[in-house]
Amino acid sequence: MKTSKHLVLTALATFATLTSACDVDEAGYEPIAMEPSEGLDVSASGDESLRASTLTCDLDEQAAVGGLYYPGWTCNDAIANAESSLSSWHYRNACNQQVGSDIDSPVDAAQVTNCTNDGSNAIVTVDLCCEAPPGLTCDLDEQAAVGGLYYPGWTCDDAIANAESSLSSWHYRNACNQQVGSDISSPVDAALVTDCTHDGSNAIVTVDLCCDAPSAVSAEPVGTRKMCIAGGTAAEMLADCEDGAQVNVDLFTGGTWDTQEFINQWGDPCPAGTSIVPNSQYYVANSCNPLPNVGVGCGGAGSYNYEFQIGVYCQ
């Protein structure tokens, strides 16, 4: 009996040691990524969780990854781990492939949208908020580029550091003026070197630029248009003219009429070297005026012709 009891105690101690050794440290656990065909049959799953994504990042900074296996885990544990492991290689790789994020950058947020348990594994699908890809963040219509800038005797590292900090560079201001329409005296908002080569003597860089927004100037056409206003008091007819002029403006700003239609009706009032900013039409204040002895009675007794103007912005 003593021998038997000793064997039982030894077995229990061994089992406890094995159990302790098998415990998984969930911190930073990296799940196994498997193709669905490599996994087990999940058609008879006993544990499933479906959730709508509530990520708040922009769509162009979102990615998704699925088929991540957590062997022996419950869905609750797998979800908790998956949503906290922001440095997961699977996440960083998905963001790099789908968004262009730096592969070394952790994701900003992770949300499990599906978890299925096949009896042996929890299998999760995760939506991700990725770090913005390296590059300029300004709008495309405010971006310019300039290349072939030589730094005689410089290394690429030094040239890049200088090029990205010299926001008042004439080359930059000129490129933004020519390509975007920025004021040539305005420094750029950001500069990012996209290429640097070294020919043995010089560093030659190419730079992408975030330009200062172009300064738009107001332009009023010389001519006017006539509008027949129904009878009423002078104040009522003036209000009708201004309402009618706004209807015309809305046809431009709403896209029914385009820039060419404006030119057809009004000509191009923008100074040489500038162009009409699309959908920038506006009613020229105080341009609604009655035309004495012109079209009196145009719409019946008491009606009167008024003139008005529509201006634009140029850049």
C-alpha atoms as a PDB file:
ATOM      1  CA  MET A   1       0.000   0.000   0.000  1.00  0.00           C
ATOM      2  CA  LYS A   2       2.853   2.401   0.768  1.00  0.00           C
ATOM      3  CA  THR A   3       4.392   1.744  -2.602  1.00  0.00           C
ATOM      4  CA  SER A   4       1.061   2.251  -4.337  1.00  0.00           C
ATOM      5  CA  LYS A   5       0.435   5.567  -2.499  1.00  0.00           C
ATOM      6  CA  HIS A   6       3.944   6.779  -3.411  1.00  0.00           C
ATOM      7  CA  LEU A   7       3.302   6.017  -7.085  1.00  0.00           C
ATOM      8  CA  VAL A   8       0.015   7.900  -7.021  1.00  0.00           C
ATOM      9  CA  LEU A   9       1.612  10.983  -5.425  1.00  0.00           C
ATOM     10  CA  THR A  10       4.479  10.888  -7.913  1.00  0.00           C
ATOM     11  CA  ALA A  11       2.050  10.667 -10.820  1.00  0.00           C
ATOM     12  CA  LEU A  12       0.039  13.614  -9.513  1.00  0.00           C
ATOM     13  CA  ALA A  13       3.177  15.718  -9.100  1.00  0.00           C
ATOM     14  CA  THR A  14       4.314  14.817 -12.608  1.00  0.00           C
ATOM     15  CA  PHE A  15       0.888  15.695 -14.042  1.00  0.00           C
ATOM     16  CA  ALA A  16       0.922  19.068 -12.243  1.00  0.00           C
ATOM     17  CA  THR A  17       4.376  19.815 -13.636  1.00  0.00           C
ATOM     18  CA  LEU A  18       3.278  18.923 -17.171  1.00  0.00           C
ATOM     19  CA  THR A  19       0.129  21.004 -16.849  1.00  0.00           C
ATOM     20  CA  SER A  20       2.118  24.002 -15.685  1.00  0.00           C
ATOM     21  CA  ALA A  21       4.590  23.579 -18.540  1.00  0.00           C
ATOM     22  CA  CYS A  22       1.757  23.512 -21.075  1.00  0.00           C
ATOM     23  CA  ASP A  23       0.200  26.781 -19.947  1.00  0.00           C
ATOM     24  CA  VAL A  24       0.349  29.334 -22.775  1.00  0.00           C
ATOM     25  CA  ASP A  25       1.627  32.826 -22.110  1.00  0.00           C
ATOM     26  CA  GLU A  26      -1.039  34.844 -23.911  1.00  0.00           C
ATOM     27  CA  ALA A  27       0.958  38.055 -23.922  1.00  0.00           C
ATOM     28  CA  GLY A  28       2.134  38.675 -27.471  1.00  0.00           C
ATOM     29  CA  TYR A  29       0.879  35.277 -28.662  1.00  0.00           C
ATOM     30  CA  GLU A  30       1.138  34.948 -32.425  1.00  0.00           C
ATOM     31  CA  PRO A  31      -1.675  32.830 -33.930  1.00  0.00           C
ATOM     32  CA  ILE A  32      -1.097  30.355 -36.734  1.00  0.00           C
ATOM     33  CA  ALA A  33      -2.153  31.571 -40.176  1.00  0.00           C
ATOM     34  CA  MET A  34      -3.573  28.696 -42.215  1.00  0.00           C
ATOM     35  CA  GLU A  35      -5.372  28.491 -45.505  1.00  0.00           C
ATOM     36  CA  PRO A  36      -8.947  27.244 -44.981  1.00  0.00           C
ATOM     37  CA  SER A  37      -8.125  23.981 -46.798  1.00  0.00           C
ATOM     38  CA  GLU A  38      -5.326  23.281 -44.295  1.00  0.00           C
ATOM     39  CA  GLY A  39      -7.541  23.676 -41.255  1.00  0.00           C
ATOM     40  CA  LEU A  40     -10.033  21.343 -39.719  1.00  0.00           C
ATOM     41  CA  ASP A  41     -13.667  21.081 -40.756  1.00  0.00           C
ATOM     42  CA  VAL A  42     -15.476  24.006 -39.146  1.00  0.00           C
ATOM     43  CA  SER A  43     -18.927  23.121 -40.420  1.00  0.00           C
ATOM     44  CA  ALA A  44     -19.936  21.748 -37.033  1.00  0.00           C
ATOM     45  CA  SER A  45     -18.555  24.545 -34.896  1.00  0.00           C
ATOM     46  CA  GLY A  46     -19.907  24.866 -31.398  1.00  0.00           C
ATOM     47  CA  ASP A  47     -18.783  28.426 -30.676  1.00  0.00           C
ATOM     48  CA  GLU A  48     -19.245  31.335 -33.054  1.00  0.00           C
ATOM     49  CA  SER A  49     -19.087  35.098 -32.648  1.00  0.00           C
ATOM     50  CA  LEU A  50     -20.070  37.589 -35.356  1.00  0.00           C
ATOM     51  CA  ARG A  51     -19.664  41.334 -34.848  1.00  0.00           C
ATOM     52  CA  ALA A  52     -19.992  44.346 -37.090  1.00  0.00           C
ATOM     53  CA  SER A  53     -16.831  46.390 -37.487  1.00  0.00           C
ATOM     54  CA  THR A  54     -16.885  49.735 -35.691  1.00  0.00           C
ATOM     55  CA  LEU A  55     -13.426  50.980 -36.699  1.00  0.00           C
ATOM     56  CA  THR A  56     -13.315  54.750 -37.003  1.00  0.00           C
ATOM     57  CA  CYS A  57     -10.213  55.139 -39.173  1.00  0.00           C
ATOM     58  CA  ASP A  58     -10.499  56.197 -42.811  1.00  0.00           C
ATOM     59  CA  LEU A  59     -11.357  53.435 -45.279  1.00  0.00           C
ATOM     60  CA  ASP A  60      -8.057  53.872 -47.111  1.00  0.00           C
ATOM     61  CA  GLU A  61      -6.252  53.042 -43.848  1.00  0.00           C
ATOM     62  CA  GLN A  62      -8.201  49.850 -43.126  1.00  0.00           C
ATOM     63  CA  ALA A  63      -7.142  46.252 -43.800  1.00  0.00           C
ATOM     64  CA  ALA A  64      -8.410  42.809 -42.831  1.00  0.00           C
ATOM     65  CA  VAL A  65      -6.856  39.426 -42.146  1.00  0.00           C
ATOM     66  CA  GLY A  66      -8.582  36.100 -41.555  1.00  0.00           C
ATOM     67  CA  GLY A  67      -7.898  32.414 -40.998  1.00  0.00           C
ATOM     68  CA  LEU A  68      -5.833  33.018 -37.847  1.00  0.00           C
ATOM     69  CA  TYR A  69      -5.844  29.856 -35.721  1.00  0.00           C
ATOM     70  CA  TYR A  70      -5.559  29.761 -31.922  1.00  0.00           C
ATOM     71  CA  PRO A  71      -5.083  26.018 -31.119  1.00  0.00           C
ATOM     72  CA  GLY A  72      -6.904  25.014 -27.955  1.00  0.00           C
ATOM     73  CA  TRP A  73      -8.281  28.497 -27.268  1.00  0.00           C
ATOM     74  CA  THR A  74     -11.864  29.565 -26.672  1.00  0.00           C
ATOM     75  CA  CYS A  75     -13.291  32.345 -28.820  1.00  0.00           C
ATOM     76  CA  ASN A  76     -13.471  34.695 -25.852  1.00  0.00           C
ATOM     77  CA  ASP A  77      -9.759  34.283 -25.113  1.00  0.00           C
ATOM     78  CA  ALA A  78      -8.770  34.442 -28.779  1.00  0.00           C
ATOM     79  CA  ILE A  79     -10.792  37.630 -29.312  1.00  0.00           C
ATOM     80  CA  ALA A  80      -9.229  39.293 -26.275  1.00  0.00           C
ATOM     81  CA  ASN A  81      -5.740  38.376 -27.461  1.00  0.00           C
ATOM     82  CA  ALA A  82      -6.345  39.280 -31.104  1.00  0.00           C
ATOM     83  CA  GLU A  83      -7.658  42.737 -30.236  1.00  0.00           C
ATOM     84  CA  SER A  84      -4.721  43.564 -27.968  1.00  0.00           C
ATOM     85  CA  SER A  85      -1.811  42.186 -30.018  1.00  0.00           C
ATOM     86  CA  LEU A  86      -1.320  45.316 -32.121  1.00  0.00           C
ATOM     87  CA  SER A  87       2.251  44.385 -33.070  1.00  0.00           C
ATOM     88  CA  SER A  88       1.239  41.014 -34.561  1.00  0.00           C
ATOM     89  CA  TRP A  89       3.284  40.163 -37.648  1.00  0.00           C
ATOM     90  CA  HIS A  90       0.103  39.069 -39.425  1.00  0.00           C
ATOM     91  CA  TYR A  91      -1.416  42.505 -38.823  1.00  0.00           C
ATOM     92  CA  ARG A  92       1.684  44.433 -39.853  1.00  0.00           C
ATOM     93  CA  ASN A  93       1.993  42.329 -42.998  1.00  0.00           C
ATOM     94  CA  ALA A  94      -1.684  42.845 -43.915  1.00  0.00           C
ATOM     95  CA  CYS A  95      -1.360  46.607 -43.455  1.00  0.00           C
ATOM     96  CA  ASN A  96       1.834  46.670 -45.486  1.00  0.00           C
ATOM     97  CA  GLN A  97       0.251  44.692 -48.325  1.00  0.00           C
ATOM     98  CA  GLN A  98      -3.190  46.327 -48.355  1.00  0.00           C
ATOM     99  CA  VAL A  99      -2.484  49.909 -47.244  1.00  0.00           C
ATOM    100  CA  GLY A 100       1.243  50.425 -47.732  1.00  0.00           C
ATOM    101  CA  SER A 101       2.084  50.925 -44.058  1.00  0.00           C
ATOM    102  CA  ASP A 102       5.651  50.442 -42.863  1.00  0.00           C
ATOM    103  CA  ILE A 103       5.857  46.736 -41.994  1.00  0.00           C
ATOM    104  CA  ASP A 104       7.571  47.576 -38.692  1.00  0.00           C
ATOM    105  CA  SER A 105       4.678  49.749 -37.520  1.00  0.00           C
ATOM    106  CA  PRO A 106       2.061  48.274 -35.141  1.00  0.00           C
ATOM    107  CA  VAL A 107      -1.571  48.758 -36.113  1.00  0.00           C
ATOM    108  CA  ASP A 108      -3.600  51.479 -34.438  1.00  0.00           C
ATOM    109  CA  ALA A 109      -6.583  49.232 -33.653  1.00  0.00           C
ATOM    110  CA  ALA A 110      -7.785  45.667 -34.207  1.00  0.00           C
ATOM    111  CA  GLN A 111     -11.336  44.373 -34.025  1.00  0.00           C
ATOM    112  CA  VAL A 112     -12.372  40.748 -34.400  1.00  0.00           C
ATOM    113  CA  THR A 113     -15.408  40.530 -36.673  1.00  0.00           C
ATOM    114  CA  ASN A 114     -15.702  36.739 -36.703  1.00  0.00           C
ATOM    115  CA  CYS A 115     -14.594  33.883 -34.462  1.00  0.00           C
ATOM    116  CA  THR A 116     -15.439  30.239 -35.065  1.00  0.00           C
ATOM    117  CA  ASN A 117     -14.427  27.307 -32.858  1.00  0.00           C
ATOM    118  CA  ASP A 118     -14.093  23.909 -34.538  1.00  0.00           C
ATOM    119  CA  GLY A 119     -13.751  22.041 -31.266  1.00  0.00           C
ATOM    120  CA  SER A 120      -9.960  22.283 -31.244  1.00  0.00           C
ATOM    121  CA  ASN A 121      -9.164  25.763 -32.470  1.00  0.00           C
ATOM    122  CA  ALA A 122     -10.524  29.279 -32.368  1.00  0.00           C
ATOM    123  CA  ILE A 123     -10.312  30.793 -35.867  1.00  0.00           C
ATOM    124  CA  VAL A 124     -10.606  34.566 -36.073  1.00  0.00           C
ATOM    125  CA  THR A 125     -11.026  37.284 -38.702  1.00  0.00           C
ATOM    126  CA  VAL A 126      -9.786  40.742 -37.767  1.00  0.00           C
ATOM    127  CA  ASP A 127     -10.381  44.244 -39.169  1.00  0.00           C
ATOM    128  CA  LEU A 128      -7.463  46.615 -38.723  1.00  0.00           C
ATOM    129  CA  CYS A 129      -6.777  50.336 -38.506  1.00  0.00           C
ATOM    130  CA  CYS A 130      -3.350  50.641 -40.106  1.00  0.00           C
ATOM    131  CA  GLU A 131      -0.743  53.320 -39.696  1.00  0.00           C
ATOM    132  CA  ALA A 132      -0.850  55.764 -42.589  1.00  0.00           C
ATOM    133  CA  PRO A 133       1.665  54.807 -45.290  1.00  0.00           C
ATOM    134  CA  PRO A 134       4.861  56.799 -45.475  1.00  0.00           C
ATOM    135  CA  GLY A 135       4.392  59.790 -47.736  1.00  0.00           C
ATOM    136  CA  LEU A 136       2.690  63.124 -48.006  1.00  0.00           C
ATOM    137  CA  THR A 137      -0.670  63.608 -46.316  1.00  0.00           C
ATOM    138  CA  CYS A 138      -1.850  66.702 -48.207  1.00  0.00           C
ATOM    139  CA  ASP A 139      -4.550  66.533 -50.878  1.00  0.00           C
ATOM    140  CA  LEU A 140      -3.409  65.414 -54.325  1.00  0.00           C
ATOM    141  CA  ASP A 141      -4.344  68.758 -55.865  1.00  0.00           C
ATOM    142  CA  GLU A 142      -1.861  70.431 -53.496  1.00  0.00           C
ATOM    143  CA  GLN A 143       1.066  68.123 -54.291  1.00  0.00           C
ATOM    144  CA  ALA A 144       4.008  68.783 -56.608  1.00  0.00           C
ATOM    145  CA  ALA A 145       7.355  67.129 -57.310  1.00  0.00           C
ATOM    146  CA  VAL A 146      10.809  68.283 -58.332  1.00  0.00           C
ATOM    147  CA  GLY A 147      13.833  66.187 -59.263  1.00  0.00           C
ATOM    148  CA  GLY A 148      17.412  66.447 -60.431  1.00  0.00           C
ATOM    149  CA  LEU A 149      18.509  68.533 -57.436  1.00  0.00           C
ATOM    150  CA  TYR A 150      22.298  68.187 -57.017  1.00  0.00           C
ATOM    151  CA  TYR A 151      24.196  68.338 -53.725  1.00  0.00           C
ATOM    152  CA  PRO A 152      27.882  68.433 -54.775  1.00  0.00           C
ATOM    153  CA  GLY A 153      30.086  66.495 -52.378  1.00  0.00           C
ATOM    154  CA  TRP A 154      27.216  65.526 -50.087  1.00  0.00           C
ATOM    155  CA  THR A 155      26.222  62.055 -48.915  1.00  0.00           C
ATOM    156  CA  CYS A 156      22.644  60.926 -49.530  1.00  0.00           C
ATOM    157  CA  ASP A 157      21.906  60.959 -45.800  1.00  0.00           C
ATOM    158  CA  ASP A 158      22.980  64.590 -45.457  1.00  0.00           C
ATOM    159  CA  ALA A 159      21.262  65.624 -48.691  1.00  0.00           C
ATOM    160  CA  ILE A 160      17.974  64.003 -47.639  1.00  0.00           C
ATOM    161  CA  ALA A 161      18.065  65.714 -44.238  1.00  0.00           C
ATOM    162  CA  ASN A 162      18.687  69.075 -45.877  1.00  0.00           C
ATOM    163  CA  ALA A 163      16.137  68.603 -48.655  1.00  0.00           C
ATOM    164  CA  GLU A 164      13.359  67.680 -46.233  1.00  0.00           C
ATOM    165  CA  SER A 165      13.974  70.682 -43.997  1.00  0.00           C
ATOM    166  CA  SER A 166      14.549  73.436 -46.598  1.00  0.00           C
ATOM    167  CA  LEU A 167      10.871  74.325 -46.988  1.00  0.00           C
ATOM    168  CA  SER A 168      11.620  77.777 -48.414  1.00  0.00           C
ATOM    169  CA  SER A 169      13.757  76.423 -51.270  1.00  0.00           C
ATOM    170  CA  TRP A 170      13.262  78.392 -54.487  1.00  0.00           C
ATOM    171  CA  HIS A 171      13.083  75.117 -56.410  1.00  0.00           C
ATOM    172  CA  TYR A 172      10.201  74.001 -54.210  1.00  0.00           C
ATOM    173  CA  ARG A 173       8.333  77.308 -54.384  1.00  0.00           C
ATOM    174  CA  ASN A 174       8.733  77.415 -58.155  1.00  0.00           C
ATOM    175  CA  ALA A 175       7.500  73.825 -58.578  1.00  0.00           C
ATOM    176  CA  CYS A 176       4.434  74.555 -56.423  1.00  0.00           C
ATOM    177  CA  ASN A 177       3.740  77.759 -58.341  1.00  0.00           C
ATOM    178  CA  GLN A 178       3.974  75.983 -61.696  1.00  0.00           C
ATOM    179  CA  GLN A 179       2.189  72.742 -60.801  1.00  0.00           C
ATOM    180  CA  VAL A 180      -0.360  73.835 -58.169  1.00  0.00           C
ATOM    181  CA  GLY A 181      -0.694  77.588 -58.500  1.00  0.00           C
ATOM    182  CA  SER A 182       0.715  78.467 -55.072  1.00  0.00           C
ATOM    183  CA  ASP A 183       2.047  81.950 -54.455  1.00  0.00           C
ATOM    184  CA  ILE A 184       5.742  81.730 -55.417  1.00  0.00           C
ATOM    185  CA  SER A 185       6.724  83.499 -52.204  1.00  0.00           C
ATOM    186  CA  SER A 186       5.047  80.844 -50.001  1.00  0.00           C
ATOM    187  CA  PRO A 187       7.199  78.076 -48.447  1.00  0.00           C
ATOM    188  CA  VAL A 188       5.989  74.519 -48.949  1.00  0.00           C
ATOM    189  CA  ASP A 189       4.187  72.788 -46.094  1.00  0.00           C
ATOM    190  CA  ALA A 190       6.220  69.545 -46.320  1.00  0.00           C
ATOM    191  CA  ALA A 191       8.975  67.953 -48.389  1.00  0.00           C
ATOM    192  CA  LEU A 192       9.671  64.220 -48.690  1.00  0.00           C
ATOM    193  CA  VAL A 193      12.667  62.822 -50.586  1.00  0.00           C
ATOM    194  CA  THR A 194      11.472  59.886 -52.689  1.00  0.00           C
ATOM    195  CA  ASP A 195      14.788  59.091 -54.364  1.00  0.00           C
ATOM    196  CA  CYS A 196      18.480  59.789 -53.807  1.00  0.00           C
ATOM    197  CA  THR A 197      21.296  58.521 -55.992  1.00  0.00           C
ATOM    198  CA  HIS A 198      25.025  59.162 -55.719  1.00  0.00           C
ATOM    199  CA  ASP A 199      27.267  59.425 -58.775  1.00  0.00           C
ATOM    200  CA  GLY A 200      30.485  59.364 -56.778  1.00  0.00           C
ATOM    201  CA  SER A 201      30.661  63.130 -56.453  1.00  0.00           C
ATOM    202  CA  ASN A 202      27.112  64.341 -55.985  1.00  0.00           C
ATOM    203  CA  ALA A 203      23.915  63.345 -54.237  1.00  0.00           C
ATOM    204  CA  ILE A 204      20.967  63.810 -56.597  1.00  0.00           C
ATOM    205  CA  VAL A 205      17.523  63.901 -55.003  1.00  0.00           C
ATOM    206  CA  THR A 206      13.881  63.837 -56.078  1.00  0.00           C
ATOM    207  CA  VAL A 207      11.391  65.449 -53.719  1.00  0.00           C
ATOM    208  CA  ASP A 208       7.601  65.296 -53.326  1.00  0.00           C
ATOM    209  CA  LEU A 209       6.051  68.470 -51.969  1.00  0.00           C
ATOM    210  CA  CYS A 210       2.967  69.567 -50.056  1.00  0.00           C
ATOM    211  CA  CYS A 211       2.348  73.016 -51.489  1.00  0.00           C
ATOM    212  CA  ASP A 212       0.663  76.021 -50.002  1.00  0.00           C
ATOM    213  CA  ALA A 213      -2.953  76.144 -51.200  1.00  0.00           C
ATOM    214  CA  PRO A 214      -3.308  78.328 -54.281  1.00  0.00           C
ATOM    215  CA  SER A 215      -4.619  81.781 -53.601  1.00  0.00           C
ATOM    216  CA  ALA A 216      -7.922  82.268 -55.408  1.00  0.00           C
ATOM    217  CA  VAL A 217      -8.900  85.750 -56.556  1.00  0.00           C
ATOM    218  CA  SER A 218     -12.358  87.002 -57.321  1.00  0.00           C
ATOM    219  CA  ALA A 219     -13.191  87.962 -60.905  1.00  0.00           C
ATOM    220  CA  GLU A 220     -16.347  89.723 -62.053  1.00  0.00           C
ATOM    221  CA  PRO A 221     -17.323  89.684 -65.737  1.00  0.00           C
ATOM    222  CA  VAL A 222     -17.752  92.970 -67.569  1.00  0.00           C
ATOM    223  CA  GLY A 223     -21.094  92.034 -69.076  1.00  0.00           C
ATOM    224  CA  THR A 224     -24.473  91.419 -67.467  1.00  0.00           C
ATOM    225  CA  ARG A 225     -27.507  89.307 -68.241  1.00  0.00           C
ATOM    226  CA  LYS A 226     -31.104  90.416 -68.398  1.00  0.00           C
ATOM    227  CA  MET A 227     -33.960  88.871 -66.472  1.00  0.00           C
ATOM    228  CA  CYS A 228     -37.649  89.628 -66.853  1.00  0.00           C
ATOM    229  CA  ILE A 229     -39.214  90.238 -63.440  1.00  0.00           C
ATOM    230  CA  ALA A 230     -42.952  90.071 -62.894  1.00  0.00           C
ATOM    231  CA  GLY A 231     -44.752  93.119 -61.566  1.00  0.00           C
ATOM    232  CA  GLY A 232     -44.460  94.246 -57.972  1.00  0.00           C
ATOM    233  CA  THR A 233     -42.930  96.921 -55.840  1.00  0.00           C
ATOM    234  CA  ALA A 234     -39.313  97.906 -56.459  1.00  0.00           C
ATOM    235  CA  ALA A 235     -38.240  95.940 -53.365  1.00  0.00           C
ATOM    236  CA  GLU A 236     -40.175  92.849 -54.485  1.00  0.00           C
ATOM    237  CA  MET A 237     -38.725  92.963 -58.005  1.00  0.00           C
ATOM    238  CA  LEU A 238     -35.185  93.405 -56.640  1.00  0.00           C
ATOM    239  CA  ALA A 239     -35.647  90.367 -54.374  1.00  0.00           C
ATOM    240  CA  ASP A 240     -36.995  88.347 -57.330  1.00  0.00           C
ATOM    241  CA  CYS A 241     -33.925  89.318 -59.388  1.00  0.00           C
ATOM    242  CA  GLU A 242     -31.529  88.246 -56.635  1.00  0.00           C
ATOM    243  CA  ASP A 243     -33.382  84.945 -56.198  1.00  0.00           C
ATOM    244  CA  GLY A 244     -33.233  84.329 -59.951  1.00  0.00           C
ATOM    245  CA  ALA A 245     -29.529  85.135 -60.057  1.00  0.00           C
ATOM    246  CA  GLN A 246     -28.928  82.620 -57.254  1.00  0.00           C
ATOM    247  CA  VAL A 247     -30.777  79.967 -59.259  1.00  0.00           C
ATOM    248  CA  ASN A 248     -28.248  80.558 -62.044  1.00  0.00           C
ATOM    249  CA  VAL A 249     -25.367  80.326 -59.568  1.00  0.00           C
ATOM    250  CA  ASP A 250     -26.716  77.038 -58.219  1.00  0.00           C
ATOM    251  CA  LEU A 251     -26.750  75.544 -61.717  1.00  0.00           C
ATOM    252  CA  PHE A 252     -22.979  76.120 -61.860  1.00  0.00           C
ATOM    253  CA  THR A 253     -22.047  75.175 -58.310  1.00  0.00           C
ATOM    254  CA  GLY A 254     -24.287  72.108 -58.434  1.00  0.00           C
ATOM    255  CA  GLY A 255     -22.652  70.830 -61.610  1.00  0.00           C
ATOM    256  CA  THR A 256     -25.594  71.186 -64.020  1.00  0.00           C
ATOM    257  CA  TRP A 257     -23.574  73.800 -65.922  1.00  0.00           C
ATOM    258  CA  ASP A 258     -19.787  73.501 -66.126  1.00  0.00           C
ATOM    259  CA  THR A 259     -16.919  75.958 -66.545  1.00  0.00           C
ATOM    260  CA  GLN A 260     -17.217  75.970 -70.332  1.00  0.00           C
ATOM    261  CA  GLU A 261     -20.888  76.895 -70.073  1.00  0.00           C
ATOM    262  CA  PHE A 262     -19.904  79.824 -67.855  1.00  0.00           C
ATOM    263  CA  ILE A 263     -17.416  80.973 -70.492  1.00  0.00           C
ATOM    264  CA  ASN A 264     -20.100  80.607 -73.170  1.00  0.00           C
ATOM    265  CA  GLN A 265     -22.464  82.849 -71.200  1.00  0.00           C
ATOM    266  CA  TRP A 266     -20.095  85.307 -69.545  1.00  0.00           C
ATOM    267  CA  GLY A 267     -16.698  84.992 -71.184  1.00  0.00           C
ATOM    268  CA  ASP A 268     -13.574  84.278 -69.119  1.00  0.00           C
ATOM    269  CA  PRO A 269     -12.912  87.123 -66.649  1.00  0.00           C
ATOM    270  CA  CYS A 270      -9.813  85.475 -65.101  1.00  0.00           C
ATOM    271  CA  PRO A 271      -6.445  87.228 -65.520  1.00  0.00           C
ATOM    272  CA  ALA A 272      -3.930  85.796 -67.995  1.00  0.00           C
ATOM    273  CA  GLY A 273      -2.096  82.805 -66.549  1.00  0.00           C
ATOM    274  CA  THR A 274      -4.972  81.840 -64.267  1.00  0.00           C
ATOM    275  CA  SER A 275      -8.073  79.738 -64.777  1.00  0.00           C
ATOM    276  CA  ILE A 276     -11.573  79.499 -63.376  1.00  0.00           C
ATOM    277  CA  VAL A 277     -11.869  77.445 -60.196  1.00  0.00           C
ATOM    278  CA  PRO A 278     -14.559  74.847 -60.997  1.00  0.00           C
ATOM    279  CA  ASN A 279     -17.915  75.372 -59.241  1.00  0.00           C
ATOM    280  CA  SER A 280     -16.746  78.663 -57.695  1.00  0.00           C
ATOM    281  CA  GLN A 281     -19.466  80.905 -59.179  1.00  0.00           C
ATOM    282  CA  TYR A 282     -21.154  83.472 -56.952  1.00  0.00           C
ATOM    283  CA  TYR A 283     -23.707  86.269 -57.278  1.00  0.00           C
ATOM    284  CA  VAL A 284     -22.003  89.654 -57.570  1.00  0.00           C
ATOM    285  CA  ALA A 285     -23.462  91.720 -54.746  1.00  0.00           C
ATOM    286  CA  ASN A 286     -25.636  94.678 -55.759  1.00  0.00           C
ATOM    287  CA  SER A 287     -25.509  93.722 -59.443  1.00  0.00           C
ATOM    288  CA  CYS A 288     -29.306  93.322 -59.750  1.00  0.00           C
ATOM    289  CA  ASN A 289     -30.533  96.607 -61.221  1.00  0.00           C
ATOM    290  CA  PRO A 290     -33.586  97.646 -63.272  1.00  0.00           C
ATOM    291  CA  LEU A 291     -32.951  98.579 -66.898  1.00  0.00           C
ATOM    292  CA  PRO A 292     -34.922 101.802 -67.571  1.00  0.00           C
ATOM    293  CA  ASN A 293     -36.901 101.756 -70.801  1.00  0.00           C
ATOM    294  CA  VAL A 294     -35.482  98.329 -71.738  1.00  0.00           C
ATOM    295  CA  GLY A 295     -38.023  95.564 -71.902  1.00  0.00           C
ATOM    296  CA  VAL A 296     -40.651  97.347 -69.873  1.00  0.00           C
ATOM    297  CA  GLY A 297     -43.681  95.027 -69.827  1.00  0.00           C
ATOM    298  CA  CYS A 298     -41.549  92.042 -70.888  1.00  0.00           C
ATOM    299  CA  GLY A 299     -43.774  89.708 -68.881  1.00  0.00           C
ATOM    300  CA  GLY A 300     -47.021  91.606 -68.979  1.00  0.00           C
ATOM    301  CA  ALA A 301     -48.307  94.748 -67.323  1.00  0.00           C
ATOM    302  CA  GLY A 302     -46.002  96.033 -64.585  1.00  0.00           C
ATOM    303  CA  SER A 303     -43.134  93.651 -65.424  1.00  0.00           C
ATOM    304  CA  TYR A 304     -39.615  94.945 -65.890  1.00  0.00           C
ATOM    305  CA  ASN A 305     -36.184  93.822 -67.095  1.00  0.00           C
ATOM    306  CA  TYR A 306     -33.377  93.591 -64.544  1.00  0.00           C
ATOM    307  CA  GLU A 307     -29.677  92.919 -65.121  1.00  0.00           C
ATOM    308  CA  PHE A 308     -27.345  90.870 -62.911  1.00  0.00           C
ATOM    309  CA  GLN A 309     -23.808  89.458 -62.814  1.00  0.00           C
ATOM    310  CA  ILE A 310     -22.222  86.134 -61.759  1.00  0.00           C
ATOM    311  CA  GLY A 311     -18.561  86.124 -60.779  1.00  0.00           C
ATOM    312  CA  VAL A 312     -15.992  83.356 -60.349  1.00  0.00           C
ATOM    313  CA  TYR A 313     -12.760  82.710 -58.510  1.00  0.00           C
ATOM    314  CA  CYS A 314      -9.508  82.314 -60.437  1.00  0.00           C
ATOM    315  CA  GLN A 315      -6.226  80.664 -59.542  1.00  0.00           C
END
